[in-house]
Amino acid sequence: MAAEHAVDIQGVEVGRRSARKDGREVVALRCVDTGMKGFIVECDVYPVDAVRVEPLRPGPYTFATRPQADAFVDEAAKALTYLGCEL
């Protein structure tokens, strides 16, 4: 099992997307502008086949520019839509 970790990211939240399946939130994506360190996308994943209070947290994913971070979030959203999630 992969190690889970919580990251305290300092910065300004510039975007948030959430995906639901069967009325239940399964993924939350948050984009943070960290200033000089670029943009970070955090993910909270709630597996549909498990009852969990704390989400899995892959990443965080770091990008030099906002368009790069937005493209990552857009691609993740597209994949979740293909998997039957509502955004």
C-alpha atoms as a PDB file:
ATOM      1  CA  MET A   1       0.000   0.000   0.000  1.00  0.00           C
ATOM      2  CA  ALA A   2       1.372   3.422  -0.913  1.00  0.00           C
ATOM      3  CA  ALA A   3       2.181   5.830   1.845  1.00  0.00           C
ATOM      4  CA  GLU A   4      -0.453   8.479   2.390  1.00  0.00           C
ATOM      5  CA  HIS A   5       0.512  11.989   3.333  1.00  0.00           C
ATOM      6  CA  ALA A   6      -1.058  15.344   3.921  1.00  0.00           C
ATOM      7  CA  VAL A   7       0.701  18.368   2.497  1.00  0.00           C
ATOM      8  CA  ASP A   8       0.307  21.882   3.870  1.00  0.00           C
ATOM      9  CA  ILE A   9       0.555  23.986   0.723  1.00  0.00           C
ATOM     10  CA  GLN A  10       0.883  27.740   1.143  1.00  0.00           C
ATOM     11  CA  GLY A  11      -0.652  29.925  -1.529  1.00  0.00           C
ATOM     12  CA  VAL A  12      -3.873  31.120  -3.095  1.00  0.00           C
ATOM     13  CA  GLU A  13      -6.456  28.634  -4.340  1.00  0.00           C
ATOM     14  CA  VAL A  14      -7.180  29.478  -7.978  1.00  0.00           C
ATOM     15  CA  GLY A  15      -9.374  26.562  -8.992  1.00  0.00           C
ATOM     16  CA  ARG A  16     -11.358  23.614  -7.690  1.00  0.00           C
ATOM     17  CA  ARG A  17     -13.147  20.733  -9.434  1.00  0.00           C
ATOM     18  CA  SER A  18     -15.073  17.869  -7.936  1.00  0.00           C
ATOM     19  CA  ALA A  19     -16.362  14.608  -9.422  1.00  0.00           C
ATOM     20  CA  ARG A  20     -19.294  12.544  -8.180  1.00  0.00           C
ATOM     21  CA  LYS A  21     -20.406   9.050  -9.010  1.00  0.00           C
ATOM     22  CA  ASP A  22     -23.822   7.773  -7.935  1.00  0.00           C
ATOM     23  CA  GLY A  23     -24.270  10.939  -5.872  1.00  0.00           C
ATOM     24  CA  ARG A  24     -21.061  10.422  -3.905  1.00  0.00           C
ATOM     25  CA  GLU A  25     -17.940  12.579  -4.199  1.00  0.00           C
ATOM     26  CA  VAL A  26     -15.088  10.448  -5.539  1.00  0.00           C
ATOM     27  CA  VAL A  27     -12.439  13.043  -6.497  1.00  0.00           C
ATOM     28  CA  ALA A  28     -11.652  16.628  -5.517  1.00  0.00           C
ATOM     29  CA  LEU A  29      -8.961  18.566  -7.390  1.00  0.00           C
ATOM     30  CA  ARG A  30      -7.593  21.865  -6.071  1.00  0.00           C
ATOM     31  CA  CYS A  31      -5.149  24.176  -7.842  1.00  0.00           C
ATOM     32  CA  VAL A  32      -2.988  26.482  -5.710  1.00  0.00           C
ATOM     33  CA  ASP A  33      -0.829  29.393  -6.899  1.00  0.00           C
ATOM     34  CA  THR A  34       2.273  29.193  -4.697  1.00  0.00           C
ATOM     35  CA  GLY A  35       3.865  32.310  -6.142  1.00  0.00           C
ATOM     36  CA  MET A  36       7.507  31.736  -7.023  1.00  0.00           C
ATOM     37  CA  LYS A  37       7.180  27.926  -6.809  1.00  0.00           C
ATOM     38  CA  GLY A  38       4.529  27.723  -9.528  1.00  0.00           C
ATOM     39  CA  PHE A  39       1.187  25.950  -9.343  1.00  0.00           C
ATOM     40  CA  ILE A  40       0.340  22.812  -7.391  1.00  0.00           C
ATOM     41  CA  VAL A  41      -2.648  20.537  -7.975  1.00  0.00           C
ATOM     42  CA  GLU A  42      -3.783  18.530  -4.962  1.00  0.00           C
ATOM     43  CA  CYS A  43      -6.079  15.522  -5.323  1.00  0.00           C
ATOM     44  CA  ASP A  44      -8.363  13.861  -2.794  1.00  0.00           C
ATOM     45  CA  VAL A  45      -9.582  10.458  -3.984  1.00  0.00           C
ATOM     46  CA  TYR A  46     -12.410   8.561  -2.272  1.00  0.00           C
ATOM     47  CA  PRO A  47     -12.446   4.983  -3.662  1.00  0.00           C
ATOM     48  CA  VAL A  48     -15.941   3.823  -4.616  1.00  0.00           C
ATOM     49  CA  ASP A  49     -15.318   0.283  -3.406  1.00  0.00           C
ATOM     50  CA  ALA A  50     -14.295   1.245   0.141  1.00  0.00           C
ATOM     51  CA  VAL A  51     -15.724   3.115   3.074  1.00  0.00           C
ATOM     52  CA  ARG A  52     -13.101   5.684   4.011  1.00  0.00           C
ATOM     53  CA  VAL A  53     -13.244   8.817   6.084  1.00  0.00           C
ATOM     54  CA  GLU A  54      -9.813  10.045   4.985  1.00  0.00           C
ATOM     55  CA  PRO A  55      -9.162  10.256   1.241  1.00  0.00           C
ATOM     56  CA  LEU A  56      -6.189   8.892  -0.656  1.00  0.00           C
ATOM     57  CA  ARG A  57      -3.927  11.781  -1.676  1.00  0.00           C
ATOM     58  CA  PRO A  58      -1.822  11.086  -4.752  1.00  0.00           C
ATOM     59  CA  GLY A  59       0.576  13.850  -5.724  1.00  0.00           C
ATOM     60  CA  PRO A  60       0.810  16.769  -5.245  1.00  0.00           C
ATOM     61  CA  TYR A  61       1.495  17.656  -8.872  1.00  0.00           C
ATOM     62  CA  THR A  62       3.646  20.727  -9.558  1.00  0.00           C
ATOM     63  CA  PHE A  63       3.530  22.886 -12.699  1.00  0.00           C
ATOM     64  CA  ALA A  64       5.498  25.959 -13.758  1.00  0.00           C
ATOM     65  CA  THR A  65       2.488  27.773 -15.236  1.00  0.00           C
ATOM     66  CA  ARG A  66      -1.243  28.074 -14.703  1.00  0.00           C
ATOM     67  CA  PRO A  67      -2.067  26.793 -18.227  1.00  0.00           C
ATOM     68  CA  GLN A  68      -0.067  23.605 -17.507  1.00  0.00           C
ATOM     69  CA  ALA A  69      -1.928  23.058 -14.233  1.00  0.00           C
ATOM     70  CA  ASP A  70      -5.273  23.776 -15.908  1.00  0.00           C
ATOM     71  CA  ALA A  71      -4.482  21.291 -18.706  1.00  0.00           C
ATOM     72  CA  PHE A  72      -3.748  18.593 -16.097  1.00  0.00           C
ATOM     73  CA  VAL A  73      -7.042  19.269 -14.299  1.00  0.00           C
ATOM     74  CA  ASP A  74      -8.945  19.323 -17.621  1.00  0.00           C
ATOM     75  CA  GLU A  75      -7.461  15.953 -18.665  1.00  0.00           C
ATOM     76  CA  ALA A  76      -8.266  14.442 -15.260  1.00  0.00           C
ATOM     77  CA  ALA A  77     -11.830  15.771 -15.530  1.00  0.00           C
ATOM     78  CA  LYS A  78     -12.181  14.284 -19.023  1.00  0.00           C
ATOM     79  CA  ALA A  79     -10.993  10.871 -17.783  1.00  0.00           C
ATOM     80  CA  LEU A  80     -13.419  10.995 -14.846  1.00  0.00           C
ATOM     81  CA  THR A  81     -16.271  11.852 -17.215  1.00  0.00           C
ATOM     82  CA  TYR A  82     -15.390   8.840 -19.381  1.00  0.00           C
ATOM     83  CA  LEU A  83     -15.554   6.729 -16.212  1.00  0.00           C
ATOM     84  CA  GLY A  84     -19.133   7.860 -15.596  1.00  0.00           C
ATOM     85  CA  CYS A  85     -18.551  10.650 -13.090  1.00  0.00           C
ATOM     86  CA  GLU A  86     -20.439  13.938 -13.008  1.00  0.00           C
ATOM     87  CA  LEU A  87     -18.435  17.142 -12.623  1.00  0.00           C
END
